[in-house]
Protein backbone atom coordinates (compact mmCIF):
# COMPACT_ATOMS: atom_id res chain seq x y z
CA UNK A 1 9.54 -22.07 39.62
CA UNK A 2 7.22 -19.23 38.52
CA UNK A 3 8.67 -16.52 36.33
CA UNK A 4 8.10 -12.87 37.20
CA UNK A 5 5.78 -10.95 34.91
CA UNK A 6 8.77 -8.87 33.72
CA UNK A 7 10.75 -11.98 32.77
CA UNK A 8 7.85 -13.45 30.82
CA UNK A 9 6.86 -10.28 29.05
CA UNK A 10 10.15 -8.45 28.46
CA UNK A 11 10.86 -10.07 25.04
CA UNK A 12 7.58 -8.65 23.75
CA UNK A 13 7.98 -5.01 24.78
CA UNK A 14 9.45 -3.92 21.44
CA UNK A 15 6.27 -4.53 19.40
CA UNK A 16 4.76 -1.10 19.80
CA UNK A 17 8.05 0.75 19.24
CA UNK A 18 8.89 -1.58 16.36
CA UNK A 19 5.71 -0.95 14.41
CA UNK A 20 5.58 2.71 15.38
CA UNK A 21 9.23 3.61 14.82
CA UNK A 22 11.18 0.94 12.95
CA UNK A 23 8.60 0.57 10.20
CA UNK A 24 7.32 4.15 10.12
CA UNK A 25 9.13 5.36 7.03
CA UNK A 26 8.57 2.10 5.19
CA UNK A 27 4.89 2.10 6.07
CA UNK A 28 4.44 5.69 4.87
CA UNK A 29 6.05 4.95 1.52
CA UNK A 30 4.11 1.73 1.20
CA UNK A 31 0.78 3.41 2.05
CA UNK A 32 1.41 6.09 -0.57
CA UNK A 33 2.07 3.49 -3.24
CA UNK A 34 -1.13 1.67 -2.27
CA UNK A 35 -3.11 4.92 -2.45
CA UNK A 36 -1.77 5.58 -5.93
CA UNK A 37 -2.62 2.10 -7.19
CA UNK A 38 -5.11 2.15 -10.06
CA UNK A 39 -6.81 -1.14 -9.17
CA UNK A 40 -7.45 -2.92 -5.89
CA UNK A 41 -6.59 -6.59 -5.43
CA UNK A 42 -9.40 -9.08 -4.80
CA UNK A 43 -9.87 -9.43 -1.05
CA UNK A 44 -11.72 -12.70 -0.54
CA UNK A 45 -11.41 -16.33 -1.57
CA UNK A 46 -13.89 -19.14 -0.93
CA UNK A 47 -13.38 -22.86 -0.48
CA UNK A 48 -15.49 -25.73 0.78
CA UNK A 49 -14.42 -27.91 3.72
CA UNK A 50 -16.95 -30.72 4.07
CA UNK A 51 -20.30 -29.06 4.79
CA UNK A 52 -18.67 -25.75 5.70
CA UNK A 53 -17.95 -22.82 3.43
CA UNK A 54 -14.75 -20.99 4.37
CA UNK A 55 -13.98 -17.53 3.03
CA UNK A 56 -10.52 -16.05 3.44
CA UNK A 57 -10.76 -12.27 3.98
CA UNK A 58 -7.85 -9.91 3.46
CA UNK A 59 -7.42 -7.03 5.89
CA UNK A 60 -4.54 -5.82 3.72
CA UNK A 61 -0.78 -5.96 4.12
CA UNK A 62 1.93 -4.31 6.19
CA UNK A 63 5.66 -4.01 5.45
CA UNK A 64 7.77 -5.69 8.15
CA UNK A 65 11.53 -5.34 8.37
CA UNK A 66 12.35 -8.93 9.26
CA UNK A 67 16.02 -8.15 9.82
CA UNK A 68 14.98 -6.00 12.78
CA UNK A 69 12.02 -8.05 14.00
CA UNK A 70 13.14 -11.69 13.89
CA UNK A 71 15.07 -13.12 16.84
CA UNK A 72 17.03 -16.29 17.62
CA UNK A 73 18.50 -16.28 14.13
CA UNK A 74 21.84 -17.43 12.74
CA UNK A 75 24.25 -14.98 11.07
CA UNK A 76 23.23 -14.35 7.48
CA UNK A 77 20.19 -16.63 7.77
CA UNK A 78 17.50 -14.02 7.14
CA UNK A 79 19.12 -12.48 4.07
CA UNK A 80 19.84 -15.89 2.56
CA UNK A 81 16.34 -17.30 3.02
CA UNK A 82 14.59 -14.16 1.85
CA UNK A 83 16.83 -13.95 -1.21
CA UNK A 84 15.96 -17.55 -2.05
CA UNK A 85 12.34 -16.44 -2.14
CA UNK A 86 13.10 -13.29 -4.20
CA UNK A 87 12.27 -11.01 -1.27
CA UNK A 88 13.98 -8.04 0.33
CA UNK A 89 14.42 -7.80 4.10
CA UNK A 90 11.28 -5.65 4.31
CA UNK A 91 8.47 -8.03 3.39
CA UNK A 92 4.91 -7.05 2.51
CA UNK A 93 3.13 -9.24 5.07
CA UNK A 94 -0.50 -10.30 4.81
CA UNK A 95 -3.07 -9.85 7.57
CA UNK A 96 -5.80 -12.43 7.01
CA UNK A 97 -9.05 -13.37 8.70
CA UNK A 98 -11.48 -16.18 7.90
CA UNK A 99 -15.25 -16.52 7.74
CA UNK A 100 -16.98 -19.84 8.33
CA UNK A 101 -20.54 -20.41 7.15
CA UNK A 102 -21.74 -23.25 9.32
CA UNK A 103 -25.21 -24.48 10.28
CA UNK A 104 -26.85 -21.16 9.39
CA UNK A 105 -24.28 -19.23 11.43
CA UNK A 106 -21.56 -16.84 10.28
CA UNK A 107 -18.42 -17.25 12.38
CA UNK A 108 -15.40 -15.00 11.91
CA UNK A 109 -11.88 -16.06 12.89
CA UNK A 110 -10.02 -12.88 13.97
CA UNK A 111 -11.01 -9.34 13.02
CA UNK A 112 -8.06 -7.52 11.44
CA UNK A 113 -6.62 -4.13 12.36
CA UNK A 114 -9.23 -1.47 11.45
CA UNK A 115 -7.37 1.84 10.98
CA UNK A 116 -4.59 1.21 13.48
CA UNK A 117 -1.70 0.69 11.04
CA UNK A 118 -2.51 2.96 8.13
CA UNK A 119 -4.46 2.78 4.85
CA UNK A 120 -2.84 -0.40 3.55
CA UNK A 121 -4.76 -2.28 6.25
CA UNK A 122 -8.27 -2.12 7.69
CA UNK A 123 -9.87 -3.67 4.60
CA UNK A 124 -11.69 -6.56 6.32
CA UNK A 125 -15.17 -5.01 6.56
CA UNK A 126 -15.03 -3.88 2.94
CA UNK A 127 -13.98 -7.34 1.78
CA UNK A 128 -16.62 -8.96 3.98
CA UNK A 129 -19.24 -6.84 2.22
CA UNK A 130 -17.73 -7.63 -1.19
CA UNK A 131 -18.02 -11.33 -0.30
CA UNK A 132 -21.77 -10.84 0.20
CA UNK A 133 -22.14 -10.33 3.95
CA UNK A 134 -22.52 -7.41 6.34
CA UNK A 135 -20.84 -6.97 9.74
CA UNK A 136 -24.27 -7.05 11.38
CA UNK A 137 -24.80 -10.61 10.13
CA UNK A 138 -21.81 -12.03 12.02
CA UNK A 139 -22.97 -14.32 14.84
CA UNK A 140 -19.61 -14.99 16.50
CA UNK A 141 -15.99 -13.90 16.35
CA UNK A 142 -13.39 -16.42 17.51
CA UNK A 143 -10.15 -14.69 18.49
CA UNK A 144 -6.90 -16.63 18.25
CA UNK A 145 -5.41 -14.05 20.64
CA UNK A 146 -5.53 -10.42 21.73
CA UNK A 147 -3.14 -8.40 19.60
CA UNK A 148 -4.45 -5.35 17.81
CA UNK A 149 -3.90 -6.77 14.30
CA UNK A 150 -6.49 -9.39 15.29
CA UNK A 151 -8.80 -7.31 17.49
CA UNK A 152 -8.61 -3.79 16.02
CA UNK A 153 -11.41 -4.56 13.57
CA UNK A 154 -13.80 -5.35 16.40
CA UNK A 155 -14.45 -1.62 16.68
CA UNK A 156 -15.75 0.87 14.13
CA UNK A 157 -14.69 4.12 15.76
CA UNK A 158 -16.44 4.07 19.11
CA UNK A 159 -19.08 1.56 17.97
CA UNK A 160 -19.09 -2.22 17.97
CA UNK A 161 -18.22 -3.30 14.43
CA UNK A 162 -20.07 -6.59 14.96
CA UNK A 163 -23.04 -5.53 17.10
CA UNK A 164 -24.83 -8.88 16.98
CA UNK A 165 -21.79 -11.09 17.58
CA UNK A 166 -20.52 -12.89 20.65
CA UNK A 167 -16.71 -12.76 20.96
CA UNK A 168 -15.07 -16.04 21.98
CA UNK A 169 -11.64 -15.82 23.66
CA UNK A 170 -9.72 -18.39 25.69
CA UNK A 171 -9.92 -17.91 29.44
CA UNK A 172 -6.09 -17.76 29.82
CA UNK A 173 -5.94 -14.94 27.25
CA UNK A 174 -8.61 -12.83 28.94
CA UNK A 175 -7.14 -13.51 32.38
CA UNK A 176 -3.75 -12.31 31.19
CA UNK A 177 -4.68 -9.09 29.39
CA UNK A 178 -7.46 -8.01 31.73
CA UNK A 179 -5.55 -8.50 34.98
CA UNK A 180 -5.04 -5.25 36.85
CA UNK A 181 -2.04 -6.59 38.78
CA UNK A 182 -0.32 -7.55 35.53
CA UNK A 183 -0.99 -4.11 34.13
CA UNK A 184 0.46 -2.40 37.20
CA UNK A 185 3.65 -4.44 37.20
CA UNK A 186 4.62 -4.52 33.53
CA UNK A 187 7.14 -2.08 32.01
CA UNK A 188 5.64 1.23 30.96
CA UNK A 189 5.99 0.55 27.24
CA UNK A 190 4.06 -2.70 27.51
CA UNK A 191 1.05 -0.99 29.00
CA UNK A 192 0.04 -0.05 25.46
CA UNK A 193 -0.88 -3.72 24.94
CA UNK A 194 -3.33 -3.45 27.78
CA UNK A 195 -4.68 -0.23 26.36
CA UNK A 196 -5.22 -1.98 23.00
CA UNK A 197 -7.10 -4.80 24.72
CA UNK A 198 -9.25 -2.32 26.62
CA UNK A 199 -10.27 -0.28 23.57
CA UNK A 200 -10.95 -3.24 21.25
CA UNK A 201 -12.17 -6.10 23.46
CA UNK A 202 -13.19 -4.03 26.49
CA UNK A 203 -16.41 -2.62 24.97
CA UNK A 204 -17.63 -6.15 24.22
CA UNK A 205 -16.83 -7.23 27.79
CA UNK A 206 -18.81 -4.29 29.14
CA UNK A 207 -21.71 -5.16 26.84
CA UNK A 208 -21.72 -8.78 28.06
CA UNK A 209 -20.74 -10.00 24.60
CA UNK A 210 -17.58 -11.94 25.47
CA UNK A 211 -17.66 -15.65 26.21
CA UNK A 212 -14.47 -17.25 27.55
CA UNK A 213 -13.69 -20.92 27.00
CA UNK A 214 -11.42 -23.65 28.24
CA UNK A 215 -10.20 -26.43 26.00
CA UNK A 216 -11.52 -29.94 25.36
CA UNK A 217 -15.00 -29.26 23.97
CA UNK A 218 -16.52 -27.92 20.74
CA UNK A 219 -17.56 -24.27 20.63
CA UNK A 220 -19.89 -25.03 17.75
CA UNK A 221 -20.60 -28.33 15.96
CA UNK A 222 -17.40 -29.16 14.08
CA UNK A 223 -15.37 -26.28 15.55
CA UNK A 224 -12.99 -26.90 18.47
CA UNK A 225 -10.33 -24.76 20.20
CA UNK A 226 -6.78 -26.08 20.70
CA UNK A 227 -4.34 -24.51 23.17
CA UNK A 228 -1.15 -23.16 21.57
CA UNK A 229 0.41 -20.81 24.13
CA UNK A 230 3.66 -18.96 23.50
CA UNK A 231 2.97 -16.11 21.13
CA UNK A 232 0.56 -15.04 23.85
CA UNK A 233 -0.39 -16.98 27.01
CA UNK A 234 -3.82 -17.92 25.66
CA UNK A 235 -3.06 -18.21 21.95
CA UNK A 236 -5.52 -20.65 20.36
CA UNK A 237 -5.89 -22.68 17.18
CA UNK A 238 -9.38 -23.48 15.92
CA UNK A 239 -10.01 -26.84 14.24
CA UNK A 240 -12.79 -27.13 11.66
CA UNK A 241 -13.80 -30.71 10.83
CA UNK A 242 -16.48 -32.03 8.48
CA UNK A 243 -16.92 -35.17 6.37
CA UNK A 244 -13.37 -36.37 6.93
CA UNK A 245 -11.80 -33.01 6.04
CA UNK A 246 -10.00 -30.77 8.51
CA UNK A 247 -8.77 -27.18 8.46
CA UNK A 248 -6.74 -25.77 11.35
CA UNK A 249 -6.76 -21.99 11.80
CA UNK A 250 -3.26 -21.20 13.06
CA UNK A 251 -3.48 -17.54 14.03
CA UNK A 252 0.07 -16.28 14.65
CA UNK A 253 2.05 -19.52 14.73
CA UNK A 254 4.34 -17.91 12.14
CA UNK A 255 4.95 -14.39 10.88
CA UNK A 256 7.72 -14.97 8.33
CA UNK A 257 7.02 -18.23 6.53
CA UNK A 258 10.04 -17.94 4.22
CA UNK A 259 12.31 -18.03 7.26
CA UNK A 260 10.38 -19.97 9.91
CA UNK A 261 9.49 -22.91 7.67
CA UNK A 262 13.19 -23.42 7.09
CA UNK A 263 14.05 -22.76 10.73
CA UNK A 264 11.08 -23.07 13.12
CA UNK A 265 13.24 -22.00 16.07
CA UNK A 266 13.31 -18.42 14.72
CA UNK A 267 11.10 -16.17 16.83
CA UNK A 268 9.83 -12.60 16.56
CA UNK A 269 9.72 -9.62 18.89
CA UNK A 270 5.93 -9.91 19.02
CA UNK A 271 6.13 -13.20 20.98
CA UNK A 272 5.32 -12.89 24.69
CA UNK A 273 7.23 -16.11 25.44
CA UNK A 274 9.59 -16.77 22.51
CA UNK A 275 10.77 -20.19 23.72
CA UNK A 276 7.22 -21.47 24.12
CA UNK A 277 6.22 -19.93 20.78
CA UNK A 278 9.03 -21.80 18.99
CA UNK A 279 8.04 -25.09 20.64
CA UNK A 280 4.39 -24.57 19.69
CA UNK A 281 5.44 -23.88 16.08
CA UNK A 282 7.61 -27.01 15.86
CA UNK A 283 4.77 -29.12 17.21
CA UNK A 284 2.22 -27.55 14.88
CA UNK A 285 4.42 -28.04 11.81
CA UNK A 286 5.10 -31.69 12.63
CA UNK A 287 1.44 -32.46 13.25
CA UNK A 288 0.30 -30.73 10.06
CA UNK A 289 2.72 -32.85 8.02
CA UNK A 290 1.87 -36.07 9.84
CA UNK A 291 -1.90 -35.66 9.49
CA UNK A 292 -2.05 -33.86 6.14
CA UNK A 293 -4.83 -31.44 7.04
CA UNK A 294 -5.37 -27.94 5.72
CA UNK A 295 -3.98 -24.98 7.63
CA UNK A 296 -4.91 -21.30 7.47
CA UNK A 297 -2.39 -18.76 8.73
CA UNK A 298 -3.09 -15.09 9.43
CA UNK A 299 0.28 -13.85 8.15
CA UNK A 300 1.04 -16.17 5.23
CA UNK A 301 0.57 -14.52 1.83
CA UNK A 302 -3.19 -14.20 1.16
CA UNK A 303 -5.33 -16.29 1.22
CA UNK A 304 -2.95 -18.08 3.59
CA UNK A 305 -4.50 -21.53 3.11
CA UNK A 306 -2.46 -24.61 2.23
CA UNK A 307 -0.64 -27.70 3.43
CA UNK A 308 2.80 -28.32 4.88
CA UNK A 309 5.28 -30.78 3.44
CA UNK A 310 8.45 -31.95 5.18
CA UNK A 311 11.83 -31.51 3.51
CA UNK A 312 14.25 -33.21 5.87
CA UNK A 313 14.21 -31.13 9.05
CA UNK A 314 12.70 -28.20 7.16
CA UNK A 315 9.22 -27.54 5.83
CA UNK A 316 7.67 -26.38 2.56
CA UNK A 317 4.43 -24.42 2.20
CA UNK A 318 2.08 -25.89 -0.44
CA UNK A 319 -0.61 -23.29 -1.18
CA UNK A 320 -4.15 -24.31 -2.02
CA UNK A 321 -4.70 -24.90 -5.70
CA UNK A 322 -6.79 -22.02 -7.06
CA UNK A 323 -10.34 -23.11 -7.78
CA UNK A 324 -13.11 -21.05 -9.37
CA UNK A 325 -15.57 -23.53 -7.83
CA UNK A 326 -14.04 -23.16 -4.37
CA UNK A 327 -13.49 -26.90 -4.09
CA UNK A 328 -10.72 -28.50 -2.06
CA UNK A 329 -8.41 -30.87 -3.90
């Protein structure tokens, strides 16, 4: 039986209010401390995956009050798990993107926030330049999904930030966010999501620079999309494979690794379909452990690249060993 649009979307309506209201005071304090910092942190990290060079790019960090944002939790669970990791309930959360240098092409996975969430974010273009590339050199941007912390960086004011790039988005994702009937029937507060899609992805659509895809075929040699709906209806993983090595770009499969690795059923207010998001996460975790490949996650502490290891019914994040040569081990 089909769900109504309200039933599917209602769990997600708090995202705008949450970031705009719940985190406002924290974000202001955090931004001030970042502004007063005497030195900036390095914002890129390279590694080699077969024939492909992968560069993790930091867009910055944002403080998230996980006590208010996480859902489907057990009493005391959040405080306990965060304390075990020496964290407070407001966690400085990374926003990561990834650049693939493949077959003379530069392919970006997600695009960060631009200036939408304050000065502690919007660092992607700067870090891209520091890594030795310019936005005009990017050939393609693969979007895991359409949320503004992944699409905001597509625009530089009213100009295309990546003027020579084609934007690749799953057909289910575009169909969902650019559907006028959906927009008319959703609650008023949720219409901001559609506005965000219009102002960040819309200009590329109008310019004929968006290519939608279905699943089951490579987008580029060695790069394939994998359906992972739940967080959004067209949320997508991207698999990079070369010379027997594999890296899976996870997008938003988890937002609070310290909690969700211990309890993958925990969801977040940002999820459009929380139940489906939890199932996708459980499947992704199990497959990553079974197959032992690399994973890259947009909201795991920068650079967000590592492996997963099982610990009974729970999971442990094993970050990539730091390498000055950028070699995988």
